[in-house]
Amino acid sequence: MTSPKPYIPSELLSALPTPGEGGRSSRSDPTGPPAKPDRSVQISPPWQYPTPGAQDFFKTISANVASGAGTTQEPTELVFTLPAGYDGVVSFVGYYVDLPDALLRIKWAFQINGSPRSGFDNIRCYPRAASNVSEDFPGTIRVFQNDRLSIVITNEGTTAYNVNARYGGFIWPREEGERLTGLKSGEY
């Protein structure tokens, strides 16, 4: 039984040298530097490595917010809507607690369009006494044009705390992702 041939975009195939045309094996000096890569073709998908037109984004609260006992809040500083014509990736989600103690019961939930994102929907800090606690969680969360991103902070305890949250990643022009992968947005 033969395995199916992998899909290789035509832009990638046309950028590869043919035998005897170039590359290390056909040069008279094989120890010299390799040929300069063609940056018009990107082999890695745009959510792994930013495209040339990508832009970073970072959302955080400029000052800690008070999380009262038994409250849920979605700070407006943590809301970001992807612009039309852009896709992107969230590469980390993080939190901060000022003066946590053994009674700490705070939950952070990263949301896309009002729905919690699995794996980032129940971020918690282990209760302990400290001056402050901060942690970032890396990941690859694909997002698409007009998606509304946010973090909801819920205090399930009986004590108020000063807390913060953050997330970030990068966005790229949708057409650029389609051109570099040969696939339509949502397919790649």
Protein backbone atom coordinates (compact mmCIF):
# COMPACT_ATOMS: atom_id res chain seq x y z
CA MET A 1 0.00 0.00 0.00
CA THR A 2 1.44 3.37 -0.95
CA SER A 3 1.02 6.39 1.25
CA PRO A 4 -0.63 9.52 -0.21
CA LYS A 5 1.63 12.29 -1.41
CA PRO A 6 1.78 15.28 0.96
CA TYR A 7 0.35 18.57 -0.27
CA ILE A 8 3.14 21.02 -1.13
CA PRO A 9 2.12 24.54 -2.20
CA SER A 10 3.20 25.45 -5.73
CA GLU A 11 5.06 28.53 -4.40
CA LEU A 12 7.26 26.21 -2.33
CA LEU A 13 7.91 23.82 -5.19
CA SER A 14 8.89 26.65 -7.53
CA ALA A 15 11.33 28.03 -4.93
CA LEU A 16 13.26 24.74 -4.65
CA PRO A 17 16.37 24.39 -6.85
CA THR A 18 16.43 21.62 -9.41
CA PRO A 19 19.46 19.28 -9.48
CA GLY A 20 22.45 21.04 -11.00
CA GLU A 21 20.76 24.45 -10.76
CA GLY A 22 21.91 25.59 -7.33
CA GLY A 23 22.13 24.60 -3.70
CA ARG A 24 25.11 23.18 -1.84
CA SER A 25 25.69 20.08 -3.96
CA SER A 26 26.16 21.92 -7.26
CA ARG A 27 28.45 24.71 -6.09
CA SER A 28 32.15 24.58 -6.76
CA ASP A 29 32.83 25.54 -3.11
CA PRO A 30 30.58 23.35 -0.91
CA THR A 31 32.10 24.85 2.27
CA GLY A 32 30.88 28.36 1.43
CA PRO A 33 27.71 29.91 2.78
CA PRO A 34 24.42 28.43 1.59
CA ALA A 35 22.30 30.29 -0.90
CA LYS A 36 20.14 33.04 0.57
CA PRO A 37 16.64 31.66 1.34
CA ASP A 38 13.64 32.91 -0.60
CA ARG A 39 11.55 34.81 1.99
CA SER A 40 8.56 35.05 -0.34
CA VAL A 41 7.75 31.46 0.63
CA GLN A 42 7.23 30.53 4.28
CA ILE A 43 7.37 26.82 5.09
CA SER A 44 6.18 27.17 8.71
CA PRO A 45 2.52 27.99 9.30
CA PRO A 46 1.84 31.61 10.28
CA TRP A 47 0.72 30.66 13.80
CA GLN A 48 4.15 29.15 14.59
CA TYR A 49 6.35 31.93 13.23
CA PRO A 50 5.14 35.44 12.49
CA THR A 51 4.83 36.39 8.83
CA PRO A 52 6.65 39.50 7.54
CA GLY A 53 3.46 41.57 7.99
CA ALA A 54 2.65 40.30 11.50
CA GLN A 55 2.04 42.67 14.42
CA ASP A 56 2.45 41.85 18.12
CA PHE A 57 -0.30 42.59 20.64
CA PHE A 58 -0.25 42.58 24.43
CA LYS A 59 -3.17 43.26 26.78
CA THR A 60 -2.86 43.88 30.51
CA ILE A 61 -4.46 46.03 33.18
CA SER A 62 -2.44 49.19 33.87
CA ALA A 63 -3.17 48.94 37.62
CA ASN A 64 -4.27 45.97 39.72
CA VAL A 65 -8.03 45.63 40.06
CA ALA A 66 -9.79 44.87 43.31
CA SER A 67 -11.53 41.52 43.16
CA GLY A 68 -14.21 41.66 45.82
CA ALA A 69 -15.43 38.53 47.53
CA GLY A 70 -17.94 36.61 45.39
CA THR A 71 -17.55 38.86 42.32
CA THR A 72 -16.95 38.24 38.61
CA GLN A 73 -15.53 40.90 36.34
CA GLU A 74 -14.28 41.37 32.78
CA PRO A 75 -11.93 44.38 32.84
CA THR A 76 -12.34 46.48 29.67
CA GLU A 77 -8.55 46.85 29.40
CA LEU A 78 -8.37 43.09 28.76
CA VAL A 79 -10.81 43.13 25.82
CA PHE A 80 -9.33 42.99 22.30
CA THR A 81 -11.20 42.49 19.04
CA LEU A 82 -9.17 41.29 16.07
CA PRO A 83 -9.41 43.72 13.16
CA ALA A 84 -11.25 42.65 10.01
CA GLY A 85 -8.86 40.99 7.55
CA TYR A 86 -6.50 39.66 10.26
CA ASP A 87 -6.01 36.23 11.82
CA GLY A 88 -3.76 35.61 14.78
CA VAL A 89 -2.55 33.53 17.67
CA VAL A 90 -2.54 34.09 21.43
CA SER A 91 0.78 32.71 22.64
CA PHE A 92 0.40 33.15 26.41
CA VAL A 93 -2.11 33.92 29.17
CA GLY A 94 -1.00 35.03 32.62
CA TYR A 95 -2.12 36.27 36.03
CA TYR A 96 -0.85 38.23 39.04
CA VAL A 97 -2.04 38.33 42.68
CA ASP A 98 -0.86 40.89 45.23
CA LEU A 99 -0.52 39.50 48.77
CA PRO A 100 -2.16 36.09 48.34
CA ASP A 101 -2.92 34.00 51.40
CA ALA A 102 -4.20 30.54 52.31
CA LEU A 103 -7.83 31.60 51.59
CA LEU A 104 -7.18 32.54 47.94
CA ARG A 105 -9.90 31.29 45.55
CA ILE A 106 -9.49 33.34 42.35
CA LYS A 107 -10.19 31.94 38.88
CA TRP A 108 -9.07 33.48 35.55
CA ALA A 109 -10.78 32.39 32.33
CA PHE A 110 -9.56 33.38 28.85
CA GLN A 111 -12.54 33.79 26.52
CA ILE A 112 -13.11 34.04 22.77
CA ASN A 113 -16.42 35.65 21.79
CA GLY A 114 -17.73 35.17 25.34
CA SER A 115 -16.97 31.43 25.48
CA PRO A 116 -14.21 30.09 27.75
CA ARG A 117 -11.28 28.58 25.85
CA SER A 118 -10.66 24.99 26.91
CA GLY A 119 -7.36 24.64 28.76
CA PHE A 120 -7.36 28.34 29.70
CA ASP A 121 -10.81 28.47 31.30
CA ASN A 122 -9.89 27.54 34.87
CA ILE A 123 -6.53 29.15 35.67
CA ARG A 124 -5.92 29.20 39.40
CA CYS A 125 -3.19 30.12 41.85
CA TYR A 126 -2.32 27.70 44.62
CA PRO A 127 -3.35 29.32 47.95
CA ARG A 128 -0.28 30.39 49.92
CA ALA A 129 1.13 33.33 51.80
CA ALA A 130 3.48 35.43 49.65
CA SER A 131 4.23 39.03 48.74
CA ASN A 132 2.90 38.39 45.21
CA VAL A 133 2.43 35.56 42.73
CA SER A 134 2.65 35.77 38.94
CA GLU A 135 2.64 33.09 36.27
CA ASP A 136 2.35 32.91 32.48
CA PHE A 137 0.98 29.89 30.62
CA PRO A 138 2.31 29.41 27.07
CA GLY A 139 0.07 28.08 24.35
CA THR A 140 -1.10 28.39 20.77
CA ILE A 141 -4.66 29.63 20.61
CA ARG A 142 -5.76 30.35 17.03
CA VAL A 143 -8.03 33.38 16.61
CA PHE A 144 -9.69 34.86 13.53
CA GLN A 145 -10.90 38.23 12.26
CA ASN A 146 -13.51 39.96 14.44
CA ASP A 147 -12.99 37.52 17.36
CA ARG A 148 -13.46 39.24 20.73
CA LEU A 149 -10.78 38.20 23.25
CA SER A 150 -11.05 38.79 27.01
CA ILE A 151 -10.25 37.48 30.47
CA VAL A 152 -12.90 37.06 33.14
CA ILE A 153 -11.74 37.15 36.77
CA THR A 154 -13.90 35.41 39.39
CA ASN A 155 -13.32 35.61 43.14
CA GLU A 156 -14.98 32.51 44.60
CA GLY A 157 -13.73 33.22 48.10
CA THR A 158 -14.68 35.48 50.97
CA THR A 159 -11.63 37.76 50.88
CA ALA A 160 -10.92 40.63 48.46
CA TYR A 161 -7.60 40.70 46.57
CA ASN A 162 -5.76 42.98 44.16
CA VAL A 163 -5.27 40.98 40.95
CA ASN A 164 -4.14 41.42 37.37
CA ALA A 165 -4.15 39.40 34.14
CA ARG A 166 -2.48 39.54 30.73
CA TYR A 167 -2.31 37.82 27.37
CA GLY A 168 -0.51 38.43 24.11
CA GLY A 169 0.51 37.09 20.75
CA PHE A 170 0.53 38.33 17.18
CA ILE A 171 -1.81 38.92 14.27
CA TRP A 172 -1.11 38.79 10.53
CA PRO A 173 -2.96 39.90 7.40
CA ARG A 174 -5.34 37.12 6.38
CA GLU A 175 -4.33 37.41 2.70
CA GLU A 176 -0.66 37.01 3.62
CA GLY A 177 -1.40 33.77 5.53
CA GLU A 178 -3.40 32.45 2.58
CA ARG A 179 -0.66 33.37 0.09
CA LEU A 180 2.12 31.80 2.14
CA THR A 181 0.28 28.55 2.88
CA GLY A 182 -1.78 28.14 -0.28
CA LEU A 183 -4.86 27.54 1.91
CA LYS A 184 -7.87 29.69 2.79
CA SER A 185 -8.14 31.20 6.27
CA GLY A 186 -9.61 28.62 8.64
CA GLU A 187 -8.07 25.78 6.59
CA TYR A 188 -4.48 26.42 7.58
